[in-house]
Amino acid sequence: MTATIERGAATAPVTAPKKAPTRKKPGGFLRSSNGKKVVMAVTGAVMVLFLLGHMLGNLKIFLGRDSFNEYAHALRTLLEPIAPYRTLLTIVEIVLVASVVLHMWAAISLSRRAGKARPVKYVAKKSQANGYATHIMRWGGLTIALFVVWHLLDLTFGVVNPKGFDAAPADRMVAGFEPSRWWVTLIYFVAVVMVGLHLRHGIWSSFQTLGWANRDRNKVLRATAGLVSIVLVVGFLAPPLAITFGVVK
């Protein structure tokens, strides 16, 4: 006679461990690489718009000193008497400074992140195009920053300008680029060319960051970046060169 023995379950039911709630890193989107790239694109666009307006204002020197002085005066009196003197210009300066600081912060953060992700140097050499772009953006940015400081001391505050702060804006500009100060024009020339190269690569990178680049539009977007850069370079170089060579006096 055979006895039958009932066995219990071989294994007890196992309860899956509860997943710990994921904690979001402080800073959220701005801490990500994409967030920093968007910050660079937006702040870069703000600076490009400022440069376009600044360039158009500088070109008024070709219409005469009075026209240039009226433009400089209008910048400080816009919104009067609704708002106090220099209100709009102050707002523009605050936005511009914030854009520059955020742009540099995003650029430095991305550069450091790339360095940490790639602690060992590549065995293979980078392509010449990538190396060129990296040097332009890195050293171009530093050159532009130093030039902006000089530019403010010269034409805005008059500290290093022969006419000083109390002179009319047009007089400061003409004195700043007079033939005897050809070396100032040379520095200005190099800095503006660096700005153009920086802008060309930066505008194209912004198009990519914002998701506008694709096979159908790449040629148009590259051409747009190049055209904007050329217009700004020519527009900013025209007044100082005209003054240095005696076309504007």
C-alpha atoms as a PDB file:
ATOM      1  CA  MET A   1       0.000   0.000   0.000  1.00  0.00           C
ATOM      2  CA  THR A   2       1.459   3.321  -1.066  1.00  0.00           C
ATOM      3  CA  ALA A   3       1.006   6.479   1.037  1.00  0.00           C
ATOM      4  CA  THR A   4       0.598   9.823  -0.673  1.00  0.00           C
ATOM      5  CA  ILE A   5       2.278  12.809   0.974  1.00  0.00           C
ATOM      6  CA  GLU A   6       1.149  16.281  -0.017  1.00  0.00           C
ATOM      7  CA  ARG A   7       3.925  18.815  -0.192  1.00  0.00           C
ATOM      8  CA  GLY A   8       3.534  22.473   0.341  1.00  0.00           C
ATOM      9  CA  ALA A   9       4.731  25.084  -2.007  1.00  0.00           C
ATOM     10  CA  ALA A  10       8.433  24.789  -2.699  1.00  0.00           C
ATOM     11  CA  THR A  11       8.990  28.514  -2.455  1.00  0.00           C
ATOM     12  CA  ALA A  12       7.099  31.185  -0.654  1.00  0.00           C
ATOM     13  CA  PRO A  13       5.740  34.054  -2.724  1.00  0.00           C
ATOM     14  CA  VAL A  14       8.291  36.814  -2.943  1.00  0.00           C
ATOM     15  CA  THR A  15       7.133  40.405  -2.819  1.00  0.00           C
ATOM     16  CA  ALA A  16       9.045  42.684  -5.193  1.00  0.00           C
ATOM     17  CA  PRO A  17      10.865  45.453  -3.354  1.00  0.00           C
ATOM     18  CA  LYS A  18       9.347  48.846  -3.722  1.00  0.00           C
ATOM     19  CA  LYS A  19      11.294  51.186  -5.920  1.00  0.00           C
ATOM     20  CA  ALA A  20      12.709  54.152  -4.142  1.00  0.00           C
ATOM     21  CA  PRO A  21      11.227  57.394  -5.414  1.00  0.00           C
ATOM     22  CA  THR A  22      13.579  59.087  -7.865  1.00  0.00           C
ATOM     23  CA  ARG A  23      14.837  62.388  -6.632  1.00  0.00           C
ATOM     24  CA  LYS A  24      15.162  65.154  -9.121  1.00  0.00           C
ATOM     25  CA  LYS A  25      18.488  66.861  -9.110  1.00  0.00           C
ATOM     26  CA  PRO A  26      18.343  70.491  -8.040  1.00  0.00           C
ATOM     27  CA  GLY A  27      18.385  72.826 -11.005  1.00  0.00           C
ATOM     28  CA  GLY A  28      16.455  70.484 -13.260  1.00  0.00           C
ATOM     29  CA  PHE A  29      16.647  71.361 -16.927  1.00  0.00           C
ATOM     30  CA  LEU A  30      19.362  73.983 -16.491  1.00  0.00           C
ATOM     31  CA  ARG A  31      21.735  71.384 -15.044  1.00  0.00           C
ATOM     32  CA  SER A  32      21.492  69.246 -18.170  1.00  0.00           C
ATOM     33  CA  SER A  33      23.693  69.669 -21.220  1.00  0.00           C
ATOM     34  CA  ASN A  34      20.665  70.446 -23.368  1.00  0.00           C
ATOM     35  CA  GLY A  35      19.545  73.092 -20.893  1.00  0.00           C
ATOM     36  CA  LYS A  36      22.918  74.802 -20.963  1.00  0.00           C
ATOM     37  CA  LYS A  37      22.948  74.691 -24.760  1.00  0.00           C
ATOM     38  CA  VAL A  38      19.529  76.360 -24.842  1.00  0.00           C
ATOM     39  CA  VAL A  39      20.812  79.044 -22.459  1.00  0.00           C
ATOM     40  CA  MET A  40      23.740  79.644 -24.805  1.00  0.00           C
ATOM     41  CA  ALA A  41      21.433  79.829 -27.831  1.00  0.00           C
ATOM     42  CA  VAL A  42      18.974  82.270 -26.241  1.00  0.00           C
ATOM     43  CA  THR A  43      21.605  84.547 -24.702  1.00  0.00           C
ATOM     44  CA  GLY A  44      23.552  84.432 -27.953  1.00  0.00           C
ATOM     45  CA  ALA A  45      20.458  85.608 -29.837  1.00  0.00           C
ATOM     46  CA  VAL A  46      20.059  88.512 -27.394  1.00  0.00           C
ATOM     47  CA  MET A  47      23.662  89.564 -27.995  1.00  0.00           C
ATOM     48  CA  VAL A  48      23.311  89.296 -31.781  1.00  0.00           C
ATOM     49  CA  LEU A  49      20.251  91.580 -31.691  1.00  0.00           C
ATOM     50  CA  PHE A  50      22.191  94.058 -29.565  1.00  0.00           C
ATOM     51  CA  LEU A  51      25.136  93.972 -31.987  1.00  0.00           C
ATOM     52  CA  LEU A  52      22.846  94.628 -34.952  1.00  0.00           C
ATOM     53  CA  GLY A  53      21.323  97.657 -33.232  1.00  0.00           C
ATOM     54  CA  HIS A  54      24.745  98.903 -32.088  1.00  0.00           C
ATOM     55  CA  MET A  55      26.132  98.516 -35.615  1.00  0.00           C
ATOM     56  CA  LEU A  56      23.300 100.533 -37.159  1.00  0.00           C
ATOM     57  CA  GLY A  57      23.898 103.271 -34.597  1.00  0.00           C
ATOM     58  CA  ASN A  58      27.642 103.381 -35.343  1.00  0.00           C
ATOM     59  CA  LEU A  59      26.954 103.774 -39.054  1.00  0.00           C
ATOM     60  CA  LYS A  60      25.244 107.103 -38.355  1.00  0.00           C
ATOM     61  CA  ILE A  61      28.717 108.628 -38.147  1.00  0.00           C
ATOM     62  CA  PHE A  62      28.633 108.613 -41.977  1.00  0.00           C
ATOM     63  CA  LEU A  63      25.645 110.989 -41.813  1.00  0.00           C
ATOM     64  CA  GLY A  64      27.656 113.515 -39.827  1.00  0.00           C
ATOM     65  CA  ARG A  65      28.623 114.178 -36.237  1.00  0.00           C
ATOM     66  CA  ASP A  66      25.297 115.815 -35.416  1.00  0.00           C
ATOM     67  CA  SER A  67      23.380 112.736 -36.566  1.00  0.00           C
ATOM     68  CA  PHE A  68      25.572 110.462 -34.445  1.00  0.00           C
ATOM     69  CA  ASN A  69      25.250 112.706 -31.389  1.00  0.00           C
ATOM     70  CA  GLU A  70      21.452 112.819 -31.784  1.00  0.00           C
ATOM     71  CA  TYR A  71      21.378 109.018 -31.889  1.00  0.00           C
ATOM     72  CA  ALA A  72      23.514 108.782 -28.733  1.00  0.00           C
ATOM     73  CA  HIS A  73      21.291 111.332 -26.980  1.00  0.00           C
ATOM     74  CA  ALA A  74      18.109 109.503 -28.059  1.00  0.00           C
ATOM     75  CA  LEU A  75      19.332 106.294 -26.452  1.00  0.00           C
ATOM     76  CA  ARG A  76      19.387 108.056 -23.092  1.00  0.00           C
ATOM     77  CA  THR A  77      16.110 109.972 -23.415  1.00  0.00           C
ATOM     78  CA  LEU A  78      13.825 107.265 -24.811  1.00  0.00           C
ATOM     79  CA  LEU A  79      10.644 106.798 -22.714  1.00  0.00           C
ATOM     80  CA  GLU A  80      10.964 110.311 -21.257  1.00  0.00           C
ATOM     81  CA  PRO A  81       9.001 111.856 -19.589  1.00  0.00           C
ATOM     82  CA  ILE A  82       7.094 108.651 -18.771  1.00  0.00           C
ATOM     83  CA  ALA A  83      10.248 107.102 -17.324  1.00  0.00           C
ATOM     84  CA  PRO A  84      13.367 108.778 -15.884  1.00  0.00           C
ATOM     85  CA  TYR A  85      16.405 109.669 -17.969  1.00  0.00           C
ATOM     86  CA  ARG A  86      18.375 106.671 -19.255  1.00  0.00           C
ATOM     87  CA  THR A  87      15.760 104.107 -18.116  1.00  0.00           C
ATOM     88  CA  LEU A  88      15.541 102.109 -21.353  1.00  0.00           C
ATOM     89  CA  LEU A  89      19.300 102.138 -21.874  1.00  0.00           C
ATOM     90  CA  THR A  90      19.842 100.886 -18.323  1.00  0.00           C
ATOM     91  CA  ILE A  91      17.367  98.045 -18.874  1.00  0.00           C
ATOM     92  CA  VAL A  92      19.158  97.089 -22.098  1.00  0.00           C
ATOM     93  CA  GLU A  93      22.525  97.120 -20.300  1.00  0.00           C
ATOM     94  CA  ILE A  94      21.206  94.919 -17.468  1.00  0.00           C
ATOM     95  CA  VAL A  95      19.758  92.399 -19.932  1.00  0.00           C
ATOM     96  CA  LEU A  96      22.996  92.419 -21.927  1.00  0.00           C
ATOM     97  CA  VAL A  97      25.217  91.888 -18.881  1.00  0.00           C
ATOM     98  CA  ALA A  98      22.953  89.060 -17.660  1.00  0.00           C
ATOM     99  CA  SER A  99      23.100  87.469 -21.113  1.00  0.00           C
ATOM    100  CA  VAL A 100      26.902  87.668 -21.210  1.00  0.00           C
ATOM    101  CA  VAL A 101      27.243  86.154 -17.715  1.00  0.00           C
ATOM    102  CA  LEU A 102      24.800  83.324 -18.460  1.00  0.00           C
ATOM    103  CA  HIS A 103      26.422  82.683 -21.838  1.00  0.00           C
ATOM    104  CA  MET A 104      29.867  82.371 -20.263  1.00  0.00           C
ATOM    105  CA  TRP A 105      28.516  80.220 -17.410  1.00  0.00           C
ATOM    106  CA  ALA A 106      26.887  77.795 -19.864  1.00  0.00           C
ATOM    107  CA  ALA A 107      29.991  77.664 -22.064  1.00  0.00           C
ATOM    108  CA  ILE A 108      32.354  76.982 -19.142  1.00  0.00           C
ATOM    109  CA  SER A 109      29.985  74.386 -17.634  1.00  0.00           C
ATOM    110  CA  LEU A 110      29.695  72.508 -20.920  1.00  0.00           C
ATOM    111  CA  SER A 111      33.458  72.615 -21.423  1.00  0.00           C
ATOM    112  CA  ARG A 112      34.087  71.194 -17.941  1.00  0.00           C
ATOM    113  CA  ARG A 113      31.446  68.518 -18.401  1.00  0.00           C
ATOM    114  CA  ALA A 114      33.007  67.459 -21.693  1.00  0.00           C
ATOM    115  CA  GLY A 115      36.417  67.288 -20.005  1.00  0.00           C
ATOM    116  CA  LYS A 116      35.117  65.066 -17.184  1.00  0.00           C
ATOM    117  CA  ALA A 117      33.378  62.761 -19.631  1.00  0.00           C
ATOM    118  CA  ARG A 118      36.609  62.442 -21.609  1.00  0.00           C
ATOM    119  CA  PRO A 119      39.430  62.303 -19.022  1.00  0.00           C
ATOM    120  CA  VAL A 120      41.803  60.506 -21.382  1.00  0.00           C
ATOM    121  CA  LYS A 121      42.897  62.289 -24.518  1.00  0.00           C
ATOM    122  CA  TYR A 122      41.923  60.814 -27.824  1.00  0.00           C
ATOM    123  CA  VAL A 123      44.551  58.638 -29.490  1.00  0.00           C
ATOM    124  CA  ALA A 124      43.269  59.706 -32.885  1.00  0.00           C
ATOM    125  CA  LYS A 125      43.560  63.367 -33.780  1.00  0.00           C
ATOM    126  CA  LYS A 126      40.422  65.457 -34.012  1.00  0.00           C
ATOM    127  CA  SER A 127      39.415  66.687 -37.410  1.00  0.00           C
ATOM    128  CA  GLN A 128      40.806  70.071 -38.413  1.00  0.00           C
ATOM    129  CA  ALA A 129      37.275  71.517 -38.550  1.00  0.00           C
ATOM    130  CA  ASN A 130      36.471  70.537 -34.970  1.00  0.00           C
ATOM    131  CA  GLY A 131      39.824  71.794 -33.712  1.00  0.00           C
ATOM    132  CA  TYR A 132      39.349  75.085 -35.577  1.00  0.00           C
ATOM    133  CA  ALA A 133      35.872  75.602 -34.123  1.00  0.00           C
ATOM    134  CA  THR A 134      37.044  74.816 -30.586  1.00  0.00           C
ATOM    135  CA  HIS A 135      39.927  77.293 -30.756  1.00  0.00           C
ATOM    136  CA  ILE A 136      37.728  79.998 -32.282  1.00  0.00           C
ATOM    137  CA  MET A 137      35.043  79.655 -29.611  1.00  0.00           C
ATOM    138  CA  ARG A 138      37.496  79.420 -26.709  1.00  0.00           C
ATOM    139  CA  TRP A 139      40.101  82.031 -27.600  1.00  0.00           C
ATOM    140  CA  GLY A 140      37.634  84.123 -29.557  1.00  0.00           C
ATOM    141  CA  GLY A 141      35.454  84.449 -26.478  1.00  0.00           C
ATOM    142  CA  LEU A 142      38.429  85.536 -24.357  1.00  0.00           C
ATOM    143  CA  THR A 143      39.575  88.043 -26.995  1.00  0.00           C
ATOM    144  CA  ILE A 144      36.081  89.502 -27.244  1.00  0.00           C
ATOM    145  CA  ALA A 145      35.790  89.847 -23.457  1.00  0.00           C
ATOM    146  CA  LEU A 146      39.094  91.746 -23.236  1.00  0.00           C
ATOM    147  CA  PHE A 147      38.158  93.921 -26.194  1.00  0.00           C
ATOM    148  CA  VAL A 148      34.771  94.846 -24.693  1.00  0.00           C
ATOM    149  CA  VAL A 149      36.558  96.113 -21.555  1.00  0.00           C
ATOM    150  CA  TRP A 150      38.870  98.290 -23.678  1.00  0.00           C
ATOM    151  CA  HIS A 151      35.968  99.453 -25.864  1.00  0.00           C
ATOM    152  CA  LEU A 152      33.993 100.621 -22.810  1.00  0.00           C
ATOM    153  CA  LEU A 153      37.005 102.407 -21.326  1.00  0.00           C
ATOM    154  CA  ASP A 154      37.661 104.120 -24.665  1.00  0.00           C
ATOM    155  CA  LEU A 155      34.340 105.147 -26.205  1.00  0.00           C
ATOM    156  CA  THR A 156      31.858 104.875 -23.312  1.00  0.00           C
ATOM    157  CA  PHE A 157      33.716 106.113 -20.238  1.00  0.00           C
ATOM    158  CA  GLY A 158      36.461 108.039 -22.074  1.00  0.00           C
ATOM    159  CA  VAL A 159      39.170 106.841 -19.684  1.00  0.00           C
ATOM    160  CA  VAL A 160      41.659 105.991 -22.463  1.00  0.00           C
ATOM    161  CA  ASN A 161      40.139 108.291 -25.086  1.00  0.00           C
ATOM    162  CA  PRO A 162      42.065 111.471 -26.076  1.00  0.00           C
ATOM    163  CA  LYS A 163      38.921 113.614 -25.701  1.00  0.00           C
ATOM    164  CA  GLY A 164      37.857 112.230 -22.334  1.00  0.00           C
ATOM    165  CA  PHE A 165      34.378 111.554 -20.940  1.00  0.00           C
ATOM    166  CA  ASP A 166      32.991 115.104 -21.294  1.00  0.00           C
ATOM    167  CA  ALA A 167      33.385 115.211 -25.065  1.00  0.00           C
ATOM    168  CA  ALA A 168      30.484 114.576 -27.435  1.00  0.00           C
ATOM    169  CA  PRO A 169      30.061 110.915 -28.511  1.00  0.00           C
ATOM    170  CA  ALA A 170      30.997 111.675 -32.136  1.00  0.00           C
ATOM    171  CA  ASP A 171      34.130 113.549 -31.037  1.00  0.00           C
ATOM    172  CA  ARG A 172      35.197 110.587 -28.878  1.00  0.00           C
ATOM    173  CA  MET A 173      34.685 108.183 -31.767  1.00  0.00           C
ATOM    174  CA  VAL A 174      36.658 110.253 -34.276  1.00  0.00           C
ATOM    175  CA  ALA A 175      39.447 110.886 -31.748  1.00  0.00           C
ATOM    176  CA  GLY A 176      39.566 107.215 -30.819  1.00  0.00           C
ATOM    177  CA  PHE A 177      40.325 106.091 -34.381  1.00  0.00           C
ATOM    178  CA  GLU A 178      42.295 109.056 -35.725  1.00  0.00           C
ATOM    179  CA  PRO A 179      45.265 108.163 -37.983  1.00  0.00           C
ATOM    180  CA  SER A 180      47.854 108.618 -35.219  1.00  0.00           C
ATOM    181  CA  ARG A 181      46.073 105.913 -33.218  1.00  0.00           C
ATOM    182  CA  TRP A 182      46.278 103.360 -36.032  1.00  0.00           C
ATOM    183  CA  TRP A 183      47.209 100.667 -33.494  1.00  0.00           C
ATOM    184  CA  VAL A 184      43.793 101.078 -31.853  1.00  0.00           C
ATOM    185  CA  THR A 185      42.129 100.523 -35.228  1.00  0.00           C
ATOM    186  CA  LEU A 186      44.291  97.432 -35.743  1.00  0.00           C
ATOM    187  CA  ILE A 187      43.238  96.008 -32.359  1.00  0.00           C
ATOM    188  CA  TYR A 188      39.614  96.818 -33.214  1.00  0.00           C
ATOM    189  CA  PHE A 189      39.984  95.116 -36.600  1.00  0.00           C
ATOM    190  CA  VAL A 190      41.357  91.887 -35.105  1.00  0.00           C
ATOM    191  CA  ALA A 191      38.729  91.834 -32.346  1.00  0.00           C
ATOM    192  CA  VAL A 192      35.825  92.385 -34.744  1.00  0.00           C
ATOM    193  CA  VAL A 193      37.053  89.621 -37.059  1.00  0.00           C
ATOM    194  CA  MET A 194      37.204  87.309 -34.041  1.00  0.00           C
ATOM    195  CA  VAL A 195      33.646  88.351 -33.173  1.00  0.00           C
ATOM    196  CA  GLY A 196      32.572  87.419 -36.700  1.00  0.00           C
ATOM    197  CA  LEU A 197      34.190  83.981 -36.557  1.00  0.00           C
ATOM    198  CA  HIS A 198      32.721  83.397 -33.090  1.00  0.00           C
ATOM    199  CA  LEU A 199      29.272  84.433 -34.304  1.00  0.00           C
ATOM    200  CA  ARG A 200      29.397  82.286 -37.420  1.00  0.00           C
ATOM    201  CA  HIS A 201      30.020  79.129 -35.409  1.00  0.00           C
ATOM    202  CA  GLY A 202      27.756  80.219 -32.542  1.00  0.00           C
ATOM    203  CA  ILE A 203      24.736  80.991 -34.737  1.00  0.00           C
ATOM    204  CA  TRP A 204      25.095  77.672 -36.543  1.00  0.00           C
ATOM    205  CA  SER A 205      25.354  75.832 -33.202  1.00  0.00           C
ATOM    206  CA  SER A 206      22.231  77.647 -31.985  1.00  0.00           C
ATOM    207  CA  PHE A 207      20.298  76.439 -35.016  1.00  0.00           C
ATOM    208  CA  GLN A 208      21.346  72.888 -34.169  1.00  0.00           C
ATOM    209  CA  THR A 209      20.474  73.284 -30.477  1.00  0.00           C
ATOM    210  CA  LEU A 210      17.004  74.609 -31.283  1.00  0.00           C
ATOM    211  CA  GLY A 211      16.380  71.661 -33.598  1.00  0.00           C
ATOM    212  CA  TRP A 212      16.132  73.675 -36.795  1.00  0.00           C
ATOM    213  CA  ALA A 213      18.987  71.961 -38.613  1.00  0.00           C
ATOM    214  CA  ASN A 214      18.279  69.114 -41.020  1.00  0.00           C
ATOM    215  CA  ARG A 215      19.473  67.957 -44.414  1.00  0.00           C
ATOM    216  CA  ASP A 216      17.017  70.164 -46.276  1.00  0.00           C
ATOM    217  CA  ARG A 217      17.806  73.354 -44.367  1.00  0.00           C
ATOM    218  CA  ASN A 218      21.492  72.994 -43.456  1.00  0.00           C
ATOM    219  CA  LYS A 219      22.805  74.935 -46.453  1.00  0.00           C
ATOM    220  CA  VAL A 220      20.384  77.794 -45.868  1.00  0.00           C
ATOM    221  CA  LEU A 221      21.122  77.934 -42.141  1.00  0.00           C
ATOM    222  CA  ARG A 222      24.884  77.858 -42.674  1.00  0.00           C
ATOM    223  CA  ALA A 223      24.550  80.628 -45.247  1.00  0.00           C
ATOM    224  CA  THR A 224      22.422  82.643 -42.813  1.00  0.00           C
ATOM    225  CA  ALA A 225      25.021  82.285 -40.057  1.00  0.00           C
ATOM    226  CA  GLY A 226      27.767  83.357 -42.461  1.00  0.00           C
ATOM    227  CA  LEU A 227      25.751  86.290 -43.834  1.00  0.00           C
ATOM    228  CA  VAL A 228      24.881  87.679 -40.392  1.00  0.00           C
ATOM    229  CA  SER A 229      28.539  87.429 -39.375  1.00  0.00           C
ATOM    230  CA  ILE A 230      29.784  89.171 -42.522  1.00  0.00           C
ATOM    231  CA  VAL A 231      27.226  91.986 -42.212  1.00  0.00           C
ATOM    232  CA  LEU A 232      28.237  92.624 -38.596  1.00  0.00           C
ATOM    233  CA  VAL A 233      31.964  92.524 -39.323  1.00  0.00           C
ATOM    234  CA  VAL A 234      31.704  94.918 -42.278  1.00  0.00           C
ATOM    235  CA  GLY A 235      29.272  97.190 -40.439  1.00  0.00           C
ATOM    236  CA  PHE A 236      31.473  97.484 -37.350  1.00  0.00           C
ATOM    237  CA  LEU A 237      34.725  97.906 -39.286  1.00  0.00           C
ATOM    238  CA  ALA A 238      33.445 100.568 -41.699  1.00  0.00           C
ATOM    239  CA  PRO A 239      33.414 103.547 -39.245  1.00  0.00           C
ATOM    240  CA  PRO A 240      36.878 103.069 -37.659  1.00  0.00           C
ATOM    241  CA  LEU A 241      38.528 102.341 -41.016  1.00  0.00           C
ATOM    242  CA  ALA A 242      36.833 105.373 -42.579  1.00  0.00           C
ATOM    243  CA  ILE A 243      38.089 107.564 -39.722  1.00  0.00           C
ATOM    244  CA  THR A 244      41.629 106.145 -39.801  1.00  0.00           C
ATOM    245  CA  PHE A 245      41.924 106.679 -43.580  1.00  0.00           C
ATOM    246  CA  GLY A 246      40.426 110.188 -43.472  1.00  0.00           C
ATOM    247  CA  VAL A 247      37.073 109.498 -45.115  1.00  0.00           C
ATOM    248  CA  VAL A 248      35.257 110.628 -41.953  1.00  0.00           C
ATOM    249  CA  LYS A 249      36.727 113.605 -40.103  1.00  0.00           C
END
